[in-house]
């Protein structure tokens, strides 16, 4: 096997970003945010804007509204309540995600999620998707700085006793946070950042999607 595939199977823990990496939530989040924008009397954003920026904290996606701190908190709470219902009714994974997680489980590799979503919303997302069949430790960004600050990744590592680990994400912030946390990372270009951007951020490897990654693992494992 090539070095990457061999080293992948030697990790004790694989940490994933959630939105745009495992969960195809771009349209779900975009529609919900635009619903809230219209209800609050603001113009909607394009789907392209959301595709490029989902994975960042919600405060970033509404910074153009220039809301007061109190109104911002109310808007975000309103958005999350509506998103809560949409998550329960329909949460989709990217093709190939389950095959990759199955490979990790077969090889006794632990799984964690490190996301900009609050932990309760991230846990709900996993519960109402096919990710629920796996034992996944979930760490959201709760009252501390989001990626590229490494705190959300460091908490995952601490949960498992600082094992050998690698991070998978679709944004430069995921790659930067992993590097600061002292672990390697792999980019998946399912979000707003290109292969070149993810490599430049420091990714060890970059794949266009999970199916391509699974095919490489299967072909080199024969």
C-alpha atoms as a PDB file:
ATOM      1  CA  UNK A   1       0.000   0.000   0.000  1.00  0.00           C
ATOM      2  CA  UNK A   2       1.155   3.597  -0.542  1.00  0.00           C
ATOM      3  CA  UNK A   3       2.354   5.517   2.476  1.00  0.00           C
ATOM      4  CA  UNK A   4      -0.900   7.467   2.954  1.00  0.00           C
ATOM      5  CA  UNK A   5      -3.202   4.432   2.988  1.00  0.00           C
ATOM      6  CA  UNK A   6      -0.851   2.538   5.283  1.00  0.00           C
ATOM      7  CA  UNK A   7      -0.513   5.445   7.709  1.00  0.00           C
ATOM      8  CA  UNK A   8      -4.275   6.047   7.704  1.00  0.00           C
ATOM      9  CA  UNK A   9      -4.928   2.588   9.099  1.00  0.00           C
ATOM     10  CA  UNK A  10      -2.384   3.180  11.849  1.00  0.00           C
ATOM     11  CA  UNK A  11      -4.188   6.159  13.382  1.00  0.00           C
ATOM     12  CA  UNK A  12      -6.084   5.561  16.606  1.00  0.00           C
ATOM     13  CA  UNK A  13      -8.566   8.384  16.004  1.00  0.00           C
ATOM     14  CA  UNK A  14     -10.031  10.105  12.955  1.00  0.00           C
ATOM     15  CA  UNK A  15     -11.630  13.519  13.538  1.00  0.00           C
ATOM     16  CA  UNK A  16     -14.097  14.983  11.055  1.00  0.00           C
ATOM     17  CA  UNK A  17     -15.612  18.340  10.422  1.00  0.00           C
ATOM     18  CA  UNK A  18     -19.398  17.963  10.015  1.00  0.00           C
ATOM     19  CA  UNK A  19     -21.126  20.381   7.613  1.00  0.00           C
ATOM     20  CA  UNK A  20     -19.688  20.210   4.114  1.00  0.00           C
ATOM     21  CA  UNK A  21     -17.485  17.265   5.053  1.00  0.00           C
ATOM     22  CA  UNK A  22     -19.738  14.427   6.228  1.00  0.00           C
ATOM     23  CA  UNK A  23     -23.167  16.048   5.996  1.00  0.00           C
ATOM     24  CA  UNK A  24     -24.497  17.609   2.796  1.00  0.00           C
ATOM     25  CA  UNK A  25     -26.160  20.457   4.667  1.00  0.00           C
ATOM     26  CA  UNK A  26     -25.418  23.436   2.432  1.00  0.00           C
ATOM     27  CA  UNK A  27     -28.897  23.727   0.914  1.00  0.00           C
ATOM     28  CA  UNK A  28     -30.615  22.998   4.233  1.00  0.00           C
ATOM     29  CA  UNK A  29     -28.715  25.756   6.024  1.00  0.00           C
ATOM     30  CA  UNK A  30     -28.969  28.202   3.115  1.00  0.00           C
ATOM     31  CA  UNK A  31     -32.752  27.839   2.800  1.00  0.00           C
ATOM     32  CA  UNK A  32     -33.228  28.213   6.552  1.00  0.00           C
ATOM     33  CA  UNK A  33     -31.037  31.313   6.786  1.00  0.00           C
ATOM     34  CA  UNK A  34     -32.767  32.936   3.840  1.00  0.00           C
ATOM     35  CA  UNK A  35     -36.160  32.181   5.389  1.00  0.00           C
ATOM     36  CA  UNK A  36     -35.036  33.967   8.546  1.00  0.00           C
ATOM     37  CA  UNK A  37     -33.539  36.874   6.599  1.00  0.00           C
ATOM     38  CA  UNK A  38     -36.837  37.460   4.803  1.00  0.00           C
ATOM     39  CA  UNK A  39     -38.858  37.099   8.001  1.00  0.00           C
ATOM     40  CA  UNK A  40     -36.632  39.683   9.676  1.00  0.00           C
ATOM     41  CA  UNK A  41     -36.899  42.056   6.706  1.00  0.00           C
ATOM     42  CA  UNK A  42     -33.481  41.453   5.151  1.00  0.00           C
ATOM     43  CA  UNK A  43     -32.625  40.366   1.590  1.00  0.00           C
ATOM     44  CA  UNK A  44     -31.565  36.752   1.041  1.00  0.00           C
ATOM     45  CA  UNK A  45     -28.061  35.678   0.098  1.00  0.00           C
ATOM     46  CA  UNK A  46     -27.185  33.553  -2.923  1.00  0.00           C
ATOM     47  CA  UNK A  47     -26.667  29.807  -2.627  1.00  0.00           C
ATOM     48  CA  UNK A  48     -23.113  30.422  -3.843  1.00  0.00           C
ATOM     49  CA  UNK A  49     -22.405  32.639  -0.839  1.00  0.00           C
ATOM     50  CA  UNK A  50     -23.569  29.912   1.529  1.00  0.00           C
ATOM     51  CA  UNK A  51     -21.696  27.167  -0.307  1.00  0.00           C
ATOM     52  CA  UNK A  52     -18.466  29.127   0.040  1.00  0.00           C
ATOM     53  CA  UNK A  53     -18.946  30.000   3.711  1.00  0.00           C
ATOM     54  CA  UNK A  54     -20.896  27.230   5.442  1.00  0.00           C
ATOM     55  CA  UNK A  55     -18.681  25.720   8.091  1.00  0.00           C
ATOM     56  CA  UNK A  56     -17.880  29.144   9.512  1.00  0.00           C
ATOM     57  CA  UNK A  57     -19.684  30.326  12.664  1.00  0.00           C
ATOM     58  CA  UNK A  58     -23.250  31.517  12.075  1.00  0.00           C
ATOM     59  CA  UNK A  59     -22.250  35.011  13.240  1.00  0.00           C
ATOM     60  CA  UNK A  60     -20.088  35.317  10.123  1.00  0.00           C
ATOM     61  CA  UNK A  61     -22.986  34.438   7.810  1.00  0.00           C
ATOM     62  CA  UNK A  62     -25.114  37.280   9.182  1.00  0.00           C
ATOM     63  CA  UNK A  63     -22.490  39.931   9.841  1.00  0.00           C
ATOM     64  CA  UNK A  64     -23.819  42.034   6.941  1.00  0.00           C
ATOM     65  CA  UNK A  65     -27.086  42.544   8.854  1.00  0.00           C
ATOM     66  CA  UNK A  66     -25.368  44.775  11.420  1.00  0.00           C
ATOM     67  CA  UNK A  67     -27.635  43.553  14.214  1.00  0.00           C
ATOM     68  CA  UNK A  68     -27.234  44.603  17.816  1.00  0.00           C
ATOM     69  CA  UNK A  69     -25.776  41.943  20.090  1.00  0.00           C
ATOM     70  CA  UNK A  70     -29.229  41.225  21.529  1.00  0.00           C
ATOM     71  CA  UNK A  71     -30.921  41.033  18.109  1.00  0.00           C
ATOM     72  CA  UNK A  72     -28.108  38.856  16.797  1.00  0.00           C
ATOM     73  CA  UNK A  73     -28.638  36.363  19.616  1.00  0.00           C
ATOM     74  CA  UNK A  74     -32.378  36.362  18.939  1.00  0.00           C
ATOM     75  CA  UNK A  75     -31.870  35.886  15.193  1.00  0.00           C
ATOM     76  CA  UNK A  76     -29.455  32.989  15.748  1.00  0.00           C
ATOM     77  CA  UNK A  77     -31.819  31.336  18.239  1.00  0.00           C
ATOM     78  CA  UNK A  78     -34.688  31.702  15.739  1.00  0.00           C
ATOM     79  CA  UNK A  79     -32.523  30.209  12.977  1.00  0.00           C
ATOM     80  CA  UNK A  80     -31.404  27.278  15.114  1.00  0.00           C
ATOM     81  CA  UNK A  81     -34.959  26.464  16.208  1.00  0.00           C
ATOM     82  CA  UNK A  82     -36.083  26.232  12.588  1.00  0.00           C
ATOM     83  CA  UNK A  83     -32.950  24.329  11.567  1.00  0.00           C
ATOM     84  CA  UNK A  84     -33.620  21.898  14.421  1.00  0.00           C
ATOM     85  CA  UNK A  85     -36.892  20.879  12.755  1.00  0.00           C
ATOM     86  CA  UNK A  86     -35.298  20.559   9.311  1.00  0.00           C
ATOM     87  CA  UNK A  87     -32.511  18.370  10.700  1.00  0.00           C
ATOM     88  CA  UNK A  88     -35.046  15.991  12.208  1.00  0.00           C
ATOM     89  CA  UNK A  89     -36.957  15.697   8.937  1.00  0.00           C
ATOM     90  CA  UNK A  90     -34.063  15.458   6.469  1.00  0.00           C
ATOM     91  CA  UNK A  91     -30.303  15.097   6.979  1.00  0.00           C
ATOM     92  CA  UNK A  92     -28.255  13.741   4.060  1.00  0.00           C
ATOM     93  CA  UNK A  93     -24.689  12.459   3.935  1.00  0.00           C
ATOM     94  CA  UNK A  94     -22.286  12.770   1.047  1.00  0.00           C
ATOM     95  CA  UNK A  95     -21.885   9.606  -1.066  1.00  0.00           C
ATOM     96  CA  UNK A  96     -19.120   7.366   0.225  1.00  0.00           C
ATOM     97  CA  UNK A  97     -19.130   8.631   3.831  1.00  0.00           C
ATOM     98  CA  UNK A  98     -20.651   5.453   5.248  1.00  0.00           C
ATOM     99  CA  UNK A  99     -18.191   3.243   3.357  1.00  0.00           C
ATOM    100  CA  UNK A 100     -15.295   5.192   4.845  1.00  0.00           C
ATOM    101  CA  UNK A 101     -16.688   5.039   8.381  1.00  0.00           C
ATOM    102  CA  UNK A 102     -17.293   1.313   7.992  1.00  0.00           C
ATOM    103  CA  UNK A 103     -13.622   0.891   7.084  1.00  0.00           C
ATOM    104  CA  UNK A 104     -12.616   2.774  10.229  1.00  0.00           C
ATOM    105  CA  UNK A 105     -14.903   0.681  12.407  1.00  0.00           C
ATOM    106  CA  UNK A 106     -13.615  -2.592  10.940  1.00  0.00           C
ATOM    107  CA  UNK A 107     -10.069  -1.475  11.760  1.00  0.00           C
ATOM    108  CA  UNK A 108     -11.044  -0.409  15.326  1.00  0.00           C
ATOM    109  CA  UNK A 109     -10.250   3.254  14.657  1.00  0.00           C
ATOM    110  CA  UNK A 110     -12.145   5.685  16.880  1.00  0.00           C
ATOM    111  CA  UNK A 111     -14.293   8.436  15.334  1.00  0.00           C
ATOM    112  CA  UNK A 112     -14.907  12.016  16.477  1.00  0.00           C
ATOM    113  CA  UNK A 113     -16.553  15.124  15.063  1.00  0.00           C
ATOM    114  CA  UNK A 114     -15.128  18.619  15.654  1.00  0.00           C
ATOM    115  CA  UNK A 115     -17.541  21.222  14.310  1.00  0.00           C
ATOM    116  CA  UNK A 116     -18.437  24.905  14.457  1.00  0.00           C
ATOM    117  CA  UNK A 117     -22.027  23.871  15.242  1.00  0.00           C
ATOM    118  CA  UNK A 118     -23.030  23.895  18.921  1.00  0.00           C
ATOM    119  CA  UNK A 119     -22.617  20.431  20.410  1.00  0.00           C
ATOM    120  CA  UNK A 120     -26.356  19.903  20.920  1.00  0.00           C
ATOM    121  CA  UNK A 121     -27.179  20.755  17.299  1.00  0.00           C
ATOM    122  CA  UNK A 122     -24.300  18.617  16.014  1.00  0.00           C
ATOM    123  CA  UNK A 123     -25.466  15.695  18.158  1.00  0.00           C
ATOM    124  CA  UNK A 124     -29.005  16.128  16.797  1.00  0.00           C
ATOM    125  CA  UNK A 125     -27.659  16.122  13.235  1.00  0.00           C
ATOM    126  CA  UNK A 126     -25.833  12.848  13.808  1.00  0.00           C
ATOM    127  CA  UNK A 127     -28.788  11.287  15.623  1.00  0.00           C
ATOM    128  CA  UNK A 128     -31.096  11.976  12.682  1.00  0.00           C
ATOM    129  CA  UNK A 129     -28.756  10.703   9.980  1.00  0.00           C
ATOM    130  CA  UNK A 130     -27.155   7.406   9.089  1.00  0.00           C
ATOM    131  CA  UNK A 131     -24.151   8.504  11.135  1.00  0.00           C
ATOM    132  CA  UNK A 132     -26.145   7.334  14.158  1.00  0.00           C
ATOM    133  CA  UNK A 133     -25.134   3.736  13.490  1.00  0.00           C
ATOM    134  CA  UNK A 134     -21.551   4.553  14.540  1.00  0.00           C
ATOM    135  CA  UNK A 135     -20.029   5.365  17.913  1.00  0.00           C
ATOM    136  CA  UNK A 136     -19.017   9.000  17.359  1.00  0.00           C
ATOM    137  CA  UNK A 137     -17.739  11.439  19.953  1.00  0.00           C
ATOM    138  CA  UNK A 138     -19.215  14.851  19.169  1.00  0.00           C
ATOM    139  CA  UNK A 139     -17.546  18.123  20.092  1.00  0.00           C
ATOM    140  CA  UNK A 140     -19.170  21.323  18.953  1.00  0.00           C
ATOM    141  CA  UNK A 141     -17.971  24.885  19.438  1.00  0.00           C
ATOM    142  CA  UNK A 142     -19.521  25.988  22.720  1.00  0.00           C
ATOM    143  CA  UNK A 143     -18.478  29.268  24.358  1.00  0.00           C
ATOM    144  CA  UNK A 144     -14.954  29.152  22.945  1.00  0.00           C
ATOM    145  CA  UNK A 145     -13.303  30.271  19.716  1.00  0.00           C
ATOM    146  CA  UNK A 146     -14.131  28.371  16.496  1.00  0.00           C
ATOM    147  CA  UNK A 147     -11.631  26.915  14.047  1.00  0.00           C
ATOM    148  CA  UNK A 148      -8.932  27.849  13.108  1.00  0.00           C
ATOM    149  CA  UNK A 149      -8.531  28.005  16.873  1.00  0.00           C
ATOM    150  CA  UNK A 150      -7.628  24.381  17.726  1.00  0.00           C
ATOM    151  CA  UNK A 151      -9.728  24.124  20.912  1.00  0.00           C
ATOM    152  CA  UNK A 152     -12.500  21.991  19.384  1.00  0.00           C
ATOM    153  CA  UNK A 153      -9.904  19.524  18.078  1.00  0.00           C
ATOM    154  CA  UNK A 154      -7.883  19.541  21.297  1.00  0.00           C
ATOM    155  CA  UNK A 155     -11.027  18.579  23.222  1.00  0.00           C
ATOM    156  CA  UNK A 156     -11.528  15.594  20.934  1.00  0.00           C
ATOM    157  CA  UNK A 157      -7.939  14.515  21.471  1.00  0.00           C
ATOM    158  CA  UNK A 158      -8.253  14.893  25.239  1.00  0.00           C
ATOM    159  CA  UNK A 159     -11.403  12.763  25.280  1.00  0.00           C
ATOM    160  CA  UNK A 160      -9.378   9.828  23.932  1.00  0.00           C
ATOM    161  CA  UNK A 161      -6.174  10.440  25.898  1.00  0.00           C
ATOM    162  CA  UNK A 162      -4.241  12.260  23.156  1.00  0.00           C
ATOM    163  CA  UNK A 163      -4.059   9.407  20.633  1.00  0.00           C
ATOM    164  CA  UNK A 164      -2.457   9.483  17.219  1.00  0.00           C
ATOM    165  CA  UNK A 165      -5.050  11.282  15.106  1.00  0.00           C
ATOM    166  CA  UNK A 166      -5.807  12.868  11.752  1.00  0.00           C
ATOM    167  CA  UNK A 167      -8.408  15.484  10.754  1.00  0.00           C
ATOM    168  CA  UNK A 168     -10.678  15.517   7.676  1.00  0.00           C
ATOM    169  CA  UNK A 169     -12.297  18.796   6.621  1.00  0.00           C
ATOM    170  CA  UNK A 170     -13.558  20.827   3.676  1.00  0.00           C
ATOM    171  CA  UNK A 171     -12.294  24.260   4.743  1.00  0.00           C
ATOM    172  CA  UNK A 172      -8.921  25.902   5.265  1.00  0.00           C
ATOM    173  CA  UNK A 173      -9.956  26.571   8.860  1.00  0.00           C
ATOM    174  CA  UNK A 174     -10.125  22.804   9.463  1.00  0.00           C
ATOM    175  CA  UNK A 175      -6.642  22.319   8.067  1.00  0.00           C
ATOM    176  CA  UNK A 176      -5.169  25.261   9.989  1.00  0.00           C
ATOM    177  CA  UNK A 177      -6.774  24.125  13.241  1.00  0.00           C
ATOM    178  CA  UNK A 178      -5.403  20.617  12.820  1.00  0.00           C
ATOM    179  CA  UNK A 179      -1.909  21.945  12.178  1.00  0.00           C
ATOM    180  CA  UNK A 180      -2.042  24.161  15.274  1.00  0.00           C
ATOM    181  CA  UNK A 181      -3.319  21.176  17.276  1.00  0.00           C
ATOM    182  CA  UNK A 182      -0.280  19.205  16.121  1.00  0.00           C
ATOM    183  CA  UNK A 183      -1.971  16.639  13.867  1.00  0.00           C
ATOM    184  CA  UNK A 184      -2.063  15.932  10.131  1.00  0.00           C
ATOM    185  CA  UNK A 185      -5.109  16.676   8.003  1.00  0.00           C
ATOM    186  CA  UNK A 186      -6.829  15.646   4.777  1.00  0.00           C
ATOM    187  CA  UNK A 187      -8.946  17.964   2.643  1.00  0.00           C
ATOM    188  CA  UNK A 188     -12.227  17.080   0.941  1.00  0.00           C
ATOM    189  CA  UNK A 189     -13.267  19.598  -1.737  1.00  0.00           C
ATOM    190  CA  UNK A 190     -17.009  19.344  -1.094  1.00  0.00           C
ATOM    191  CA  UNK A 191     -17.220  22.837   0.402  1.00  0.00           C
ATOM    192  CA  UNK A 192     -16.052  26.268  -0.631  1.00  0.00           C
ATOM    193  CA  UNK A 193     -12.289  25.692  -0.812  1.00  0.00           C
ATOM    194  CA  UNK A 194     -10.354  24.264  -3.737  1.00  0.00           C
ATOM    195  CA  UNK A 195      -7.720  21.550  -3.840  1.00  0.00           C
ATOM    196  CA  UNK A 196      -4.996  24.193  -4.185  1.00  0.00           C
ATOM    197  CA  UNK A 197      -6.312  26.177  -1.214  1.00  0.00           C
ATOM    198  CA  UNK A 198      -6.473  23.100   1.019  1.00  0.00           C
ATOM    199  CA  UNK A 199      -2.971  22.006   0.037  1.00  0.00           C
ATOM    200  CA  UNK A 200      -1.674  25.520   0.638  1.00  0.00           C
ATOM    201  CA  UNK A 201      -3.303  25.473   4.089  1.00  0.00           C
ATOM    202  CA  UNK A 202      -1.256  22.377   4.913  1.00  0.00           C
ATOM    203  CA  UNK A 203      -3.341  19.316   4.033  1.00  0.00           C
ATOM    204  CA  UNK A 204      -1.395  16.080   3.682  1.00  0.00           C
ATOM    205  CA  UNK A 205      -3.725  14.912   0.884  1.00  0.00           C
ATOM    206  CA  UNK A 206      -6.799  16.348  -0.821  1.00  0.00           C
ATOM    207  CA  UNK A 207      -9.637  14.377  -2.412  1.00  0.00           C
ATOM    208  CA  UNK A 208     -12.544  15.600  -4.510  1.00  0.00           C
ATOM    209  CA  UNK A 209     -15.003  13.401  -2.609  1.00  0.00           C
ATOM    210  CA  UNK A 210     -15.325  10.306  -0.419  1.00  0.00           C
ATOM    211  CA  UNK A 211     -15.898   7.948  -3.333  1.00  0.00           C
ATOM    212  CA  UNK A 212     -12.512   8.822  -4.809  1.00  0.00           C
ATOM    213  CA  UNK A 213     -10.824   8.292  -1.426  1.00  0.00           C
ATOM    214  CA  UNK A 214     -12.587   4.957  -0.918  1.00  0.00           C
ATOM    215  CA  UNK A 215     -11.548   3.790  -4.386  1.00  0.00           C
ATOM    216  CA  UNK A 216      -7.898   4.558  -3.633  1.00  0.00           C
ATOM    217  CA  UNK A 217      -8.040   2.673  -0.344  1.00  0.00           C
ATOM    218  CA  UNK A 218      -9.769  -0.329  -1.941  1.00  0.00           C
ATOM    219  CA  UNK A 219      -7.466  -0.464  -4.967  1.00  0.00           C
ATOM    220  CA  UNK A 220      -4.288  -0.247  -2.897  1.00  0.00           C
ATOM    221  CA  UNK A 221      -5.548  -2.688  -0.278  1.00  0.00           C
ATOM    222  CA  UNK A 222      -5.897  -5.583  -2.662  1.00  0.00           C
END
